[in-house]
């Protein structure tokens, strides 16, 4: 990743895979989502039983789906420094049982290697890397091994220290190649993760990356043993799926004239949506088109020309992170994952989920999924589409008479089969009406029954079920417009008292009196969720971060506009004077 989720910066479908194993793995996820035994332990493959297809395209297809052992051997300086426990063999048993067919094992070598020639890697660390790789191989998994955060620690300095960086890079891969030369062909080498070069033009970057990739190729191939025909993975600049970057990589791959090469890129969605900035609160047409365009470029640049693509990292940069308020709304995130899996299958790209560890997807301590429902959506996308809707909440104002409320269904090629509340199927015509097959309207009578005593918050959860895939959950929420109060504080601790009254915060605009943008993100008035502001629902406040307040001009009035997912908008004035901050509620006008 551009950095780990801990430090934050920023397929091919199952196809030829064994259909029964994949289907059972998905069913396991749907039944509870916890790590569990393989569908048939006796049939589980081992390194000795996996037969790697001769064609690179077929081999990469057999690697779908894939998973990243993130923030572990790539952590700085040591394996447990970024919050994950030491890897055990049981982890890979779990990953295999959960339906994954390959793992990417990122490794940062910098702190375990001499910084001067001959750049010797510490023997104990090399041994540990080999132990972890062997555990994964023994489980019958394909393994991708790479040079990871070294990309921004010393490789980026190549423009100013060309010979020194190249010598260290070559030495690193010479040692890796020698250590792993006799491993089976299920081990794949990736030259470098998200390469970057500081103080260089685009043309210079392309030339330097070509030099690294070709040098990597020469070193591995000349090391003999299993490395003579091992699958090798080459990245674009930054692993970005931009057309120019992929064209440059295609030129490199074509020049090497080697049928055992793989192109690799990463994808974390349209940036504003991925971190919730610049108004990117929904998985809208812009975000969807960004994804569709990225996969079309992968198809046209590589796959149509016989070069397989391994999408080495995917996810959302700001979600999930269970240590902080959710910056991406849950239903919108699920729509992204559903769409992503479909698009990858459509063009034949193998995809590797970036998993930074316990606070995101797989809890490395318990070996259970932190969010079983989320992983169920990801697993389902490996094989089929699911229907969704324009949102996953229906807001019913408490202060007004209840009226009918509607959502638009996104069928995604499925057929709507009905609406359920628990085990009870709602009655069409009485409880809801379906217009033109996609416009779902809940009647006032149904909402009156579902909201019950009308306590603020979620009163009921419905399921829209479709002809295939997963049901779409719809929360019926009683709410009223939130209420903000005046506040005083310091730049290192300032909160706005907030009565949420069932609503959910989406984003915040910040502007000076002259209309210019206020805050540390000056290119948009919509500031970054969790970086500039964040809700604290248990304590009924909105927190303005020190980073945001420090960026404000002293003595100038700033108008904040808070947007909520119900559609409510509330304004608040703040002014900083030295390290003191005052906040004043702006009374809403009708």
Protein backbone atom coordinates (compact mmCIF):
# COMPACT_ATOMS: atom_id res chain seq x y z
CA UNK A 1 0.00 0.00 0.00
CA UNK A 2 1.14 3.59 -0.35
CA UNK A 3 1.47 3.26 3.33
CA UNK A 4 -0.21 0.82 5.63
CA UNK A 5 -3.64 1.44 7.08
CA UNK A 6 -1.74 1.79 10.34
CA UNK A 7 0.23 4.76 8.96
CA UNK A 8 -2.36 5.77 6.34
CA UNK A 9 -1.48 7.48 2.97
CA UNK A 10 -3.08 5.97 0.89
CA UNK A 11 -9.41 -11.34 -11.55
CA UNK A 12 -10.05 -13.01 -12.95
CA UNK A 13 -13.09 -14.63 -11.34
CA UNK A 14 -12.99 -18.17 -10.07
CA UNK A 15 -13.30 -19.37 -13.68
CA UNK A 16 -11.27 -22.56 -13.85
CA UNK A 17 -11.12 -22.96 -10.05
CA UNK A 18 -12.88 -25.88 -8.47
CA UNK A 19 -16.48 -24.76 -8.39
CA UNK A 20 -17.57 -26.92 -5.49
CA UNK A 21 -14.82 -25.74 -3.14
CA UNK A 22 -15.52 -22.12 -4.01
CA UNK A 23 -19.26 -22.44 -3.52
CA UNK A 24 -18.81 -24.12 -0.17
CA UNK A 25 -16.35 -21.47 0.94
CA UNK A 26 -18.88 -18.78 0.10
CA UNK A 27 -21.60 -20.67 1.97
CA UNK A 28 -19.36 -20.86 5.03
CA UNK A 29 -18.98 -17.09 4.93
CA UNK A 30 -22.70 -16.54 4.59
CA UNK A 31 -23.47 -18.88 7.46
CA UNK A 32 -21.49 -16.91 9.98
CA UNK A 33 -18.34 -15.57 8.45
CA UNK A 34 -15.97 -16.95 11.05
CA UNK A 35 -12.88 -18.85 10.10
CA UNK A 36 -13.75 -22.51 9.89
CA UNK A 37 -12.52 -25.85 8.70
CA UNK A 38 -12.03 -26.47 5.00
CA UNK A 39 -15.05 -28.00 3.27
CA UNK A 40 -13.11 -31.24 2.83
CA UNK A 41 -9.85 -31.40 4.73
CA UNK A 42 -8.82 -34.63 3.01
CA UNK A 43 -9.11 -32.95 -0.36
CA UNK A 44 -7.27 -29.78 0.66
CA UNK A 45 -4.24 -29.32 -1.61
CA UNK A 46 -0.63 -29.16 -0.49
CA UNK A 47 2.47 -27.83 -2.18
CA UNK A 48 3.07 -31.29 -3.65
CA UNK A 49 -0.39 -31.60 -5.18
CA UNK A 50 -0.77 -28.15 -6.75
CA UNK A 51 -0.06 -28.26 -10.46
CA UNK A 52 0.74 -24.81 -11.82
CA UNK A 53 -0.62 -24.35 -15.36
CA UNK A 54 2.05 -23.77 -17.98
CA UNK A 55 0.40 -20.62 -19.33
CA UNK A 56 0.84 -17.56 -17.14
CA UNK A 57 -2.74 -16.50 -17.86
CA UNK A 58 -4.08 -19.82 -16.54
CA UNK A 59 -1.78 -19.79 -13.52
CA UNK A 60 -2.90 -16.32 -12.48
CA UNK A 61 -6.53 -17.37 -12.92
CA UNK A 62 -5.86 -20.25 -10.51
CA UNK A 63 -4.67 -17.71 -7.93
CA UNK A 64 -8.11 -16.10 -7.62
CA UNK A 65 -9.07 -15.02 -5.00
CA UNK A 66 -6.02 -13.68 -3.19
CA UNK A 67 -5.30 -12.12 0.21
CA UNK A 68 -2.56 -9.85 1.61
CA UNK A 69 -0.65 -10.54 4.81
CA UNK A 70 -0.44 -6.79 5.34
CA UNK A 71 1.37 -4.87 8.09
CA UNK A 72 3.35 -7.89 9.21
CA UNK A 73 6.63 -8.79 7.51
CA UNK A 74 6.37 -5.40 5.85
CA UNK A 75 5.95 -3.63 9.22
CA UNK A 76 8.71 -1.24 10.30
CA UNK A 77 10.98 -2.12 11.92
CA UNK A 78 9.73 -5.56 12.98
CA UNK A 79 6.91 -8.02 12.42
CA UNK A 80 4.73 -7.00 15.37
CA UNK A 81 5.39 -3.25 15.41
CA UNK A 82 2.21 -2.33 13.53
CA UNK A 83 -0.22 -4.12 15.82
CA UNK A 84 -0.36 -7.65 14.48
CA UNK A 85 0.85 -10.82 16.24
CA UNK A 86 3.56 -13.01 14.79
CA UNK A 87 2.39 -15.13 11.92
CA UNK A 88 1.54 -18.76 12.62
CA UNK A 89 0.96 -21.67 10.27
CA UNK A 90 -2.67 -21.77 11.41
CA UNK A 91 -3.22 -18.40 9.74
CA UNK A 92 -2.66 -19.93 6.31
CA UNK A 93 -4.81 -22.93 7.15
CA UNK A 94 -7.57 -20.44 7.91
CA UNK A 95 -7.02 -18.45 4.73
CA UNK A 96 -7.17 -21.61 2.63
CA UNK A 97 -10.31 -22.81 4.40
CA UNK A 98 -11.96 -19.44 3.80
CA UNK A 99 -11.71 -19.92 0.05
CA UNK A 100 -8.56 -17.96 -0.83
CA UNK A 101 -6.21 -19.60 -3.32
CA UNK A 102 -3.19 -17.35 -3.01
CA UNK A 103 -1.55 -14.95 -0.58
CA UNK A 104 0.66 -11.96 -1.12
CA UNK A 105 3.36 -11.69 1.53
CA UNK A 106 4.76 -8.14 1.55
CA UNK A 107 8.26 -7.85 3.03
CA UNK A 108 10.20 -4.73 3.97
CA UNK A 109 13.90 -5.58 3.99
CA UNK A 110 15.38 -2.19 4.95
CA UNK A 111 15.78 -2.64 8.70
CA UNK A 112 17.10 -6.17 8.29
CA UNK A 113 19.77 -5.35 5.76
CA UNK A 114 23.10 -3.58 5.74
CA UNK A 115 22.72 -0.05 4.36
CA UNK A 116 26.12 -0.30 2.68
CA UNK A 117 27.63 -2.76 0.22
CA UNK A 118 27.25 -5.69 -0.01
CA UNK A 119 23.78 -4.96 1.51
CA UNK A 120 23.61 -8.28 3.31
CA UNK A 121 20.19 -9.36 4.60
CA UNK A 122 20.21 -10.58 8.19
CA UNK A 123 20.24 -14.38 8.14
CA UNK A 124 17.67 -14.69 10.93
CA UNK A 125 15.21 -12.41 9.10
CA UNK A 126 15.69 -14.24 5.80
CA UNK A 127 15.06 -17.48 7.64
CA UNK A 128 11.86 -16.07 9.16
CA UNK A 129 10.60 -14.93 5.76
CA UNK A 130 11.30 -18.37 4.34
CA UNK A 131 9.49 -20.03 7.24
CA UNK A 132 6.36 -17.96 6.62
CA UNK A 133 6.51 -18.51 2.86
CA UNK A 134 6.92 -22.25 3.35
CA UNK A 135 3.91 -22.41 5.67
CA UNK A 136 1.76 -20.82 2.99
CA UNK A 137 3.16 -23.04 0.23
CA UNK A 138 2.59 -26.14 2.37
CA UNK A 139 -1.11 -25.20 2.52
CA UNK A 140 -1.29 -25.44 -1.24
CA UNK A 141 -1.49 -21.67 -1.66
CA UNK A 142 0.19 -19.66 -4.37
CA UNK A 143 2.48 -17.07 -2.75
CA UNK A 144 3.59 -13.66 -3.99
CA UNK A 145 6.81 -12.44 -2.34
CA UNK A 146 8.08 -8.91 -2.87
CA UNK A 147 10.20 -5.92 -1.88
CA UNK A 148 7.63 -3.69 -0.20
CA UNK A 149 8.08 -0.43 1.78
CA UNK A 150 11.70 -0.27 0.64
CA UNK A 151 10.13 1.57 -2.28
CA UNK A 152 9.71 4.76 -0.22
CA UNK A 153 12.57 4.15 2.19
CA UNK A 154 15.50 4.01 -0.21
CA UNK A 155 14.43 3.05 -3.74
CA UNK A 156 12.76 6.43 -4.21
CA UNK A 157 16.21 8.05 -3.92
CA UNK A 158 17.32 6.49 -7.20
CA UNK A 159 17.24 9.77 -9.19
CA UNK A 160 19.91 11.24 -6.88
CA UNK A 161 21.78 8.00 -6.12
CA UNK A 162 21.27 5.87 -9.19
CA UNK A 163 24.22 3.52 -8.81
CA UNK A 164 23.84 3.04 -5.05
CA UNK A 165 20.13 2.25 -5.21
CA UNK A 166 20.52 -0.07 -8.19
CA UNK A 167 23.35 -1.92 -6.44
CA UNK A 168 21.26 -2.40 -3.30
CA UNK A 169 18.19 -3.47 -5.29
CA UNK A 170 20.25 -5.98 -7.27
CA UNK A 171 21.88 -7.34 -4.13
CA UNK A 172 18.51 -7.72 -2.42
CA UNK A 173 17.05 -9.72 -5.28
CA UNK A 174 20.22 -11.76 -5.70
CA UNK A 175 19.91 -12.91 -2.08
CA UNK A 176 16.14 -13.55 -2.33
CA UNK A 177 16.59 -15.47 -5.58
CA UNK A 178 19.30 -17.66 -4.10
CA UNK A 179 17.30 -18.42 -0.93
CA UNK A 180 14.12 -19.36 -2.78
CA UNK A 181 15.53 -20.82 -6.02
CA UNK A 182 14.38 -24.35 -5.23
CA UNK A 183 10.85 -23.46 -4.14
CA UNK A 184 7.98 -24.70 -6.32
CA UNK A 185 6.52 -22.62 -9.10
CA UNK A 186 3.60 -21.68 -6.84
CA UNK A 187 5.97 -19.02 -5.46
CA UNK A 188 5.88 -15.80 -7.49
CA UNK A 189 8.31 -12.88 -7.18
CA UNK A 190 7.11 -9.26 -7.42
CA UNK A 191 9.93 -6.84 -8.19
CA UNK A 192 8.84 -3.88 -6.04
CA UNK A 193 5.67 -2.59 -4.41
CA UNK A 194 4.33 0.80 -5.54
CA UNK A 195 7.64 2.11 -6.90
CA UNK A 196 8.24 5.84 -6.58
CA UNK A 197 11.07 8.19 -7.45
CA UNK A 198 11.47 11.59 -5.82
CA UNK A 199 12.36 14.75 -7.74
CA UNK A 200 12.00 13.09 -11.13
CA UNK A 201 9.98 13.83 -14.24
CA UNK A 202 7.43 11.37 -15.57
CA UNK A 203 9.83 10.37 -18.32
CA UNK A 204 12.65 9.81 -15.83
CA UNK A 205 10.40 7.71 -13.58
CA UNK A 206 9.40 5.50 -16.48
CA UNK A 207 13.04 4.96 -17.44
CA UNK A 208 14.11 4.15 -13.86
CA UNK A 209 11.28 1.69 -13.32
CA UNK A 210 12.07 -0.03 -16.62
CA UNK A 211 15.65 -0.37 -15.43
CA UNK A 212 14.61 -1.88 -12.09
CA UNK A 213 12.15 -4.30 -13.65
CA UNK A 214 14.57 -5.51 -16.32
CA UNK A 215 17.41 -5.85 -13.79
CA UNK A 216 15.10 -7.85 -11.49
CA UNK A 217 14.18 -10.11 -14.39
CA UNK A 218 17.80 -10.73 -15.35
CA UNK A 219 18.91 -11.49 -11.78
CA UNK A 220 16.10 -13.94 -11.07
CA UNK A 221 16.37 -15.79 -14.36
CA UNK A 222 20.14 -16.14 -14.13
CA UNK A 223 19.97 -17.59 -10.59
CA UNK A 224 18.88 -20.98 -11.95
CA UNK A 225 16.86 -23.68 -10.25
CA UNK A 226 13.13 -23.02 -10.15
CA UNK A 227 13.78 -19.39 -11.02
CA UNK A 228 14.38 -20.17 -14.69
CA UNK A 229 10.65 -20.29 -15.39
CA UNK A 230 9.17 -18.85 -12.19
CA UNK A 231 6.30 -16.44 -12.69
CA UNK A 232 7.53 -12.88 -12.21
CA UNK A 233 5.36 -9.88 -11.47
CA UNK A 234 6.15 -6.36 -12.67
CA UNK A 235 4.40 -3.18 -11.44
CA UNK A 236 3.46 0.11 -13.01
CA UNK A 237 4.73 3.37 -11.52
CA UNK A 238 3.14 3.47 -8.06
CA UNK A 239 1.11 0.40 -9.07
CA UNK A 240 -1.28 2.97 -10.53
CA UNK A 241 -3.70 1.73 -13.23
CA UNK A 242 -3.38 4.91 -15.31
CA UNK A 243 -3.11 4.41 -19.05
CA UNK A 244 0.35 5.97 -19.47
CA UNK A 245 1.76 3.88 -16.63
CA UNK A 246 0.31 0.67 -18.05
CA UNK A 247 1.55 1.51 -21.55
CA UNK A 248 5.06 1.91 -20.14
CA UNK A 249 4.82 -1.43 -18.35
CA UNK A 250 3.51 -3.14 -21.47
CA UNK A 251 6.56 -1.85 -23.36
CA UNK A 252 8.84 -3.33 -20.70
CA UNK A 253 7.09 -6.70 -20.68
CA UNK A 254 7.09 -6.91 -24.46
CA UNK A 255 10.82 -6.12 -24.59
CA UNK A 256 11.64 -8.96 -22.17
CA UNK A 257 10.00 -11.55 -24.47
CA UNK A 258 9.22 -13.86 -21.56
CA UNK A 259 5.89 -15.78 -21.42
CA UNK A 260 6.06 -16.08 -17.62
CA UNK A 261 5.46 -12.42 -16.74
CA UNK A 262 2.52 -10.84 -14.91
CA UNK A 263 1.45 -7.19 -14.78
CA UNK A 264 0.39 -5.83 -11.40
CA UNK A 265 -1.54 -2.72 -10.34
CA UNK A 266 -3.56 -1.67 -7.27
CA UNK A 267 -7.02 -0.15 -6.94
CA UNK A 268 -8.56 1.66 -3.95
CA UNK A 269 -11.55 3.26 -5.69
CA UNK A 270 -12.11 6.87 -6.65
CA UNK A 271 -10.04 8.81 -4.14
CA UNK A 272 -12.73 11.19 -2.77
CA UNK A 273 -15.03 8.24 -2.07
CA UNK A 274 -12.26 6.04 -0.71
CA UNK A 275 -11.45 8.44 2.15
CA UNK A 276 -14.61 10.60 2.19
CA UNK A 277 -13.30 13.96 1.06
CA UNK A 278 -14.52 16.52 -1.50
CA UNK A 279 -18.10 15.38 -1.04
CA UNK A 280 -17.42 11.73 -1.86
CA UNK A 281 -20.06 10.41 0.51
CA UNK A 282 -21.80 8.01 -1.92
CA UNK A 283 -20.71 5.32 -4.36
CA UNK A 284 -22.12 7.40 -7.17
CA UNK A 285 -21.76 7.37 -10.96
CA UNK A 286 -18.38 9.09 -10.79
CA UNK A 287 -16.96 6.44 -8.47
CA UNK A 288 -18.52 3.61 -10.47
CA UNK A 289 -17.19 4.94 -13.76
CA UNK A 290 -13.72 5.29 -12.27
CA UNK A 291 -13.75 1.58 -11.44
CA UNK A 292 -15.18 0.53 -14.80
CA UNK A 293 -12.61 2.60 -16.66
CA UNK A 294 -9.72 1.15 -14.62
CA UNK A 295 -10.70 -2.44 -15.41
CA UNK A 296 -11.28 -1.60 -19.07
CA UNK A 297 -7.73 -0.26 -19.24
CA UNK A 298 -6.34 -3.43 -17.64
CA UNK A 299 -8.26 -5.54 -20.16
CA UNK A 300 -7.25 -3.58 -23.23
CA UNK A 301 -3.61 -2.96 -22.28
CA UNK A 302 -2.68 -6.39 -20.93
CA UNK A 303 -5.29 -9.16 -20.94
CA UNK A 304 -6.35 -8.71 -24.56
CA UNK A 305 -2.65 -9.01 -25.46
CA UNK A 306 -2.13 -12.22 -23.50
CA UNK A 307 -0.58 -10.71 -20.37
CA UNK A 308 -2.29 -11.66 -17.08
CA UNK A 309 -3.07 -9.05 -14.44
CA UNK A 310 -2.77 -9.60 -10.70
CA UNK A 311 -4.44 -6.73 -8.87
CA UNK A 312 -2.14 -6.87 -5.84
CA UNK A 313 -4.14 -4.63 -3.49
CA UNK A 314 -7.74 -3.48 -3.33
CA UNK A 315 -10.07 -2.06 -0.73
CA UNK A 316 -10.93 1.43 0.48
CA UNK A 317 -8.28 3.70 1.95
CA UNK A 318 -10.53 4.83 4.77
CA UNK A 319 -12.60 1.70 5.45
CA UNK A 320 -12.91 -0.47 7.40
CA UNK A 321 -11.05 0.77 10.45
CA UNK A 322 -12.84 -0.38 13.57
CA UNK A 323 -10.67 1.83 15.78
CA UNK A 324 -12.29 5.01 14.42
CA UNK A 325 -15.71 6.30 13.34
CA UNK A 326 -16.61 4.87 9.96
CA UNK A 327 -15.73 7.46 7.35
CA UNK A 328 -17.38 5.56 4.49
CA UNK A 329 -21.07 4.76 4.95
CA UNK A 330 -21.51 1.01 5.25
CA UNK A 331 -24.01 0.39 2.48
CA UNK A 332 -22.05 2.58 0.08
CA UNK A 333 -18.91 0.58 0.86
CA UNK A 334 -20.72 -2.72 0.25
CA UNK A 335 -21.84 -1.44 -3.15
CA UNK A 336 -18.21 -0.79 -4.02
CA UNK A 337 -17.08 -4.30 -3.05
CA UNK A 338 -19.99 -5.89 -4.93
CA UNK A 339 -19.22 -3.89 -8.07
CA UNK A 340 -15.48 -4.49 -7.75
CA UNK A 341 -15.83 -8.28 -7.70
CA UNK A 342 -18.13 -8.21 -10.72
CA UNK A 343 -15.84 -5.96 -12.75
CA UNK A 344 -12.81 -8.12 -11.98
CA UNK A 345 -14.59 -11.30 -13.08
CA UNK A 346 -15.87 -9.59 -16.21
CA UNK A 347 -12.38 -8.86 -17.56
CA UNK A 348 -10.45 -11.74 -15.97
CA UNK A 349 -8.33 -10.05 -13.29
CA UNK A 350 -7.14 -11.85 -10.16
CA UNK A 351 -7.62 -9.70 -7.06
CA UNK A 352 -5.84 -9.56 -3.69
CA UNK A 353 -7.67 -8.01 -0.74
CA UNK A 354 -5.39 -5.67 1.23
CA UNK A 355 -5.79 -6.77 4.85
CA UNK A 356 -3.81 -4.68 7.35
CA UNK A 357 -4.85 -6.90 10.24
CA UNK A 358 -6.97 -7.11 13.32
CA UNK A 359 -8.76 -3.75 13.10
CA UNK A 360 -9.91 -4.35 9.53
CA UNK A 361 -10.77 -7.76 8.11
CA UNK A 362 -9.24 -10.89 9.70
CA UNK A 363 -8.49 -10.78 13.41
CA UNK A 364 -5.04 -12.35 13.54
CA UNK A 365 -5.46 -13.27 17.22
CA UNK A 366 -8.76 -15.15 16.96
CA UNK A 367 -8.50 -16.05 13.26
CA UNK A 368 -12.10 -14.90 12.82
CA UNK A 369 -13.46 -12.16 10.62
CA UNK A 370 -13.92 -8.87 12.41
CA UNK A 371 -17.00 -8.16 10.29
CA UNK A 372 -18.56 -11.42 9.01
CA UNK A 373 -21.23 -9.62 6.96
CA UNK A 374 -18.60 -7.62 5.10
CA UNK A 375 -16.53 -10.66 4.17
CA UNK A 376 -19.74 -12.38 3.05
CA UNK A 377 -20.26 -9.59 0.49
CA UNK A 378 -16.67 -9.89 -0.70
CA UNK A 379 -16.96 -13.67 -1.04
CA UNK A 380 -20.27 -13.46 -2.83
CA UNK A 381 -18.75 -11.10 -5.40
CA UNK A 382 -16.28 -13.85 -6.38
CA UNK A 383 -19.05 -15.82 -8.05
CA UNK A 384 -22.18 -13.72 -8.60
CA UNK A 385 -23.87 -10.35 -8.44
CA UNK A 386 -26.13 -9.08 -5.66
CA UNK A 387 -28.87 -6.50 -5.78
CA UNK A 388 -28.44 -3.26 -3.84
CA UNK A 389 -30.38 -0.01 -3.46
CA UNK A 390 -29.87 3.73 -3.60
CA UNK A 391 -29.22 3.69 0.15
CA UNK A 392 -29.37 1.30 3.10
CA UNK A 393 -31.49 3.52 5.35
CA UNK A 394 -34.96 5.01 5.27
CA UNK A 395 -35.24 8.06 7.53
CA UNK A 396 -38.63 8.69 9.14
CA UNK A 397 -38.93 12.08 10.92
CA UNK A 398 -40.31 11.76 14.45
CA UNK A 399 -41.63 15.33 14.56
CA UNK A 400 -43.82 14.89 11.49
CA UNK A 401 -46.68 12.60 10.48
CA UNK A 402 -45.40 9.39 8.91
CA UNK A 403 -45.60 9.33 5.12
CA UNK A 404 -44.50 6.83 2.46
CA UNK A 405 -40.75 6.62 1.82
CA UNK A 406 -38.95 5.19 -1.19
CA UNK A 407 -35.66 3.76 -2.43
CA UNK A 408 -34.42 2.83 -5.88
CA UNK A 409 -33.29 -0.77 -6.35
CA UNK A 410 -30.09 -1.53 -8.23
CA UNK A 411 -30.94 -4.95 -9.64
CA UNK A 412 -27.50 -5.65 -11.11
CA UNK A 413 -28.99 -8.29 -13.39
CA UNK A 414 -31.07 -9.95 -10.68
CA UNK A 415 -34.83 -10.00 -10.07
CA UNK A 416 -36.48 -8.58 -6.96
CA UNK A 417 -38.08 -11.37 -4.93
CA UNK A 418 -39.63 -9.43 -2.08
CA UNK A 419 -39.13 -7.62 1.18
CA UNK A 420 -38.76 -9.31 4.55
CA UNK A 421 -38.80 -8.17 8.18
CA UNK A 422 -37.15 -11.04 10.01
CA UNK A 423 -39.00 -14.17 8.94
CA UNK A 424 -42.07 -12.22 7.87
CA UNK A 425 -42.54 -11.41 4.22
CA UNK A 426 -44.08 -7.99 3.67
CA UNK A 427 -47.12 -7.81 1.46
CA UNK A 428 -46.88 -5.96 -1.83
CA UNK A 429 -49.69 -3.47 -2.19
CA UNK A 430 -50.22 -3.19 1.55
CA UNK A 431 -46.69 -2.73 2.92
CA UNK A 432 -44.87 -1.57 -0.18
CA UNK A 433 -45.33 -0.77 -3.84
CA UNK A 434 -42.86 -1.54 -6.61
CA UNK A 435 -42.89 0.87 -9.56
CA UNK A 436 -41.17 0.03 -12.87
CA UNK A 437 -39.43 -2.94 -11.18
CA UNK A 438 -36.94 -0.69 -9.39
CA UNK A 439 -38.71 2.00 -7.36
CA UNK A 440 -39.54 0.54 -3.96
CA UNK A 441 -41.91 2.62 -1.83
CA UNK A 442 -42.74 1.66 1.76
CA UNK A 443 -46.27 2.66 2.72
CA UNK A 444 -47.07 4.93 5.65
CA UNK A 445 -48.87 2.02 7.29
CA UNK A 446 -45.86 -0.27 7.11
CA UNK A 447 -43.54 2.44 8.42
CA UNK A 448 -45.94 3.18 11.30
CA UNK A 449 -45.83 -0.47 12.30
CA UNK A 450 -42.06 -0.81 11.82
CA UNK A 451 -41.08 2.32 13.75
CA UNK A 452 -43.07 1.18 16.79
CA UNK A 453 -42.62 3.58 19.72
CA UNK A 454 -40.45 5.77 17.47
CA UNK A 455 -37.32 5.89 19.57
CA UNK A 456 -34.52 7.74 17.78
CA UNK A 457 -32.28 5.39 15.83
CA UNK A 458 -32.81 2.11 14.01
CA UNK A 459 -36.29 0.76 14.73
CA UNK A 460 -36.33 -2.14 12.26
CA UNK A 461 -34.14 -3.80 9.65
CA UNK A 462 -35.62 -5.10 6.41
CA UNK A 463 -34.13 -7.36 3.76
CA UNK A 464 -34.69 -6.84 0.06
CA UNK A 465 -34.11 -10.26 -1.47
CA UNK A 466 -33.19 -10.98 -5.05
CA UNK A 467 -33.01 -13.97 -7.38
CA UNK A 468 -29.34 -14.48 -6.54
CA UNK A 469 -26.61 -13.06 -4.36
CA UNK A 470 -27.04 -11.54 -0.93
CA UNK A 471 -30.05 -9.66 0.44
CA UNK A 472 -29.80 -5.90 0.82
CA UNK A 473 -30.40 -4.72 4.36
CA UNK A 474 -32.50 -1.58 4.82
CA UNK A 475 -32.62 0.13 8.21
CA UNK A 476 -35.76 2.01 9.15
CA UNK A 477 -34.51 4.97 11.19
CA UNK A 478 -36.51 7.39 13.31
CA UNK A 479 -34.81 10.77 13.35
CA UNK A 480 -35.19 14.50 13.67
CA UNK A 481 -32.83 17.25 12.63
CA UNK A 482 -29.71 17.17 14.84
CA UNK A 483 -29.12 20.08 17.20
CA UNK A 484 -25.74 21.80 17.60
CA UNK A 485 -24.83 23.98 20.59
CA UNK A 486 -22.36 26.79 21.30
CA UNK A 487 -18.91 25.73 22.44
CA UNK A 488 -15.55 27.03 23.65
CA UNK A 489 -12.24 25.24 23.80
CA UNK A 490 -8.63 25.08 22.68
CA UNK A 491 -7.07 24.05 19.40
CA UNK A 492 -5.88 20.82 21.01
CA UNK A 493 -9.35 19.93 22.37
CA UNK A 494 -12.47 21.36 20.79
CA UNK A 495 -15.85 19.69 20.44
CA UNK A 496 -19.29 20.85 19.36
CA UNK A 497 -22.12 19.46 21.54
CA UNK A 498 -24.45 17.59 19.17
CA UNK A 499 -27.81 15.93 19.65
CA UNK A 500 -27.77 13.47 16.74
CA UNK A 501 -31.38 12.37 17.27
CA UNK A 502 -30.98 9.26 15.12
CA UNK A 503 -29.06 10.90 12.28
CA UNK A 504 -25.62 10.06 10.91
CA UNK A 505 -22.91 12.56 9.94
CA UNK A 506 -21.81 12.42 6.31
CA UNK A 507 -19.38 15.31 5.71
CA UNK A 508 -18.42 18.88 6.64
CA UNK A 509 -17.90 21.98 4.51
CA UNK A 510 -15.64 24.76 5.78
CA UNK A 511 -15.51 28.25 4.24
CA UNK A 512 -14.26 31.71 5.16
CA UNK A 513 -16.46 34.75 4.81
CA UNK A 514 -15.09 35.48 1.35
CA UNK A 515 -16.16 32.04 0.16
CA UNK A 516 -12.68 30.53 0.05
CA UNK A 517 -12.02 27.08 1.47
CA UNK A 518 -10.98 26.80 5.12
CA UNK A 519 -8.93 24.01 6.69
CA UNK A 520 -5.91 21.94 5.83
CA UNK A 521 -7.47 20.68 2.59
CA UNK A 522 -7.60 23.89 0.58
CA UNK A 523 -8.60 22.42 -2.80
CA UNK A 524 -12.12 21.58 -1.64
CA UNK A 525 -14.50 22.96 0.98
CA UNK A 526 -15.51 19.39 1.92
CA UNK A 527 -12.92 18.36 4.47
CA UNK A 528 -11.64 14.84 5.07
CA UNK A 529 -13.64 12.68 7.46
CA UNK A 530 -11.63 11.69 10.58
CA UNK A 531 -8.80 14.04 9.58
CA UNK A 532 -10.56 17.39 9.95
CA UNK A 533 -13.65 16.36 11.89
CA UNK A 534 -15.25 13.22 13.29
CA UNK A 535 -18.44 12.32 15.07
CA UNK A 536 -18.38 11.05 18.63
CA UNK A 537 -21.81 9.49 18.87
CA UNK A 538 -21.48 8.01 22.40
CA UNK A 539 -20.52 11.41 23.84
CA UNK A 540 -22.89 13.49 21.68
CA UNK A 541 -20.25 15.70 20.09
CA UNK A 542 -18.55 16.51 16.82
CA UNK A 543 -14.78 16.74 17.20
CA UNK A 544 -12.82 19.32 15.22
CA UNK A 545 -9.27 18.02 15.02
CA UNK A 546 -6.17 19.94 16.03
CA UNK A 547 -4.88 19.57 12.47
CA UNK A 548 -7.97 21.31 11.11
CA UNK A 549 -8.01 24.09 13.72
CA UNK A 550 -4.28 24.80 13.34
CA UNK A 551 -4.84 25.34 9.62
CA UNK A 552 -7.46 28.08 10.16
CA UNK A 553 -6.51 31.73 9.74
CA UNK A 554 -6.38 33.50 13.08
CA UNK A 555 -9.27 35.80 13.90
CA UNK A 556 -11.39 34.96 10.85
CA UNK A 557 -14.91 33.61 11.09
CA UNK A 558 -15.37 30.20 9.48
CA UNK A 559 -18.75 28.80 8.50
CA UNK A 560 -19.06 25.06 8.90
CA UNK A 561 -21.87 23.20 7.18
CA UNK A 562 -22.51 19.70 8.49
CA UNK A 563 -24.25 17.34 6.08
CA UNK A 564 -26.14 14.32 7.43
CA UNK A 565 -27.22 11.22 5.55
CA UNK A 566 -30.90 12.02 6.15
CA UNK A 567 -30.39 15.12 4.00
CA UNK A 568 -30.30 17.53 6.96
CA UNK A 569 -27.76 20.39 6.82
CA UNK A 570 -26.72 22.43 9.87
CA UNK A 571 -24.41 25.45 10.07
CA UNK A 572 -22.00 26.45 12.80
CA UNK A 573 -19.56 29.37 13.10
CA UNK A 574 -16.07 28.90 14.56
CA UNK A 575 -13.30 31.42 15.17
CA UNK A 576 -9.75 30.80 16.33
CA UNK A 577 -7.85 33.37 18.38
CA UNK A 578 -4.42 32.10 19.25
CA UNK A 579 -5.00 28.70 20.82
CA UNK A 580 -8.58 29.53 21.85
CA UNK A 581 -11.60 28.53 19.78
CA UNK A 582 -15.22 29.59 20.02
CA UNK A 583 -18.14 27.96 18.26
CA UNK A 584 -21.57 29.47 17.73
CA UNK A 585 -24.66 27.68 16.58
CA UNK A 586 -26.37 29.13 13.51
CA UNK A 587 -30.12 28.92 13.97
CA UNK A 588 -31.74 27.08 11.03
CA UNK A 589 -34.19 29.09 8.96
CA UNK A 590 -37.32 27.60 7.46
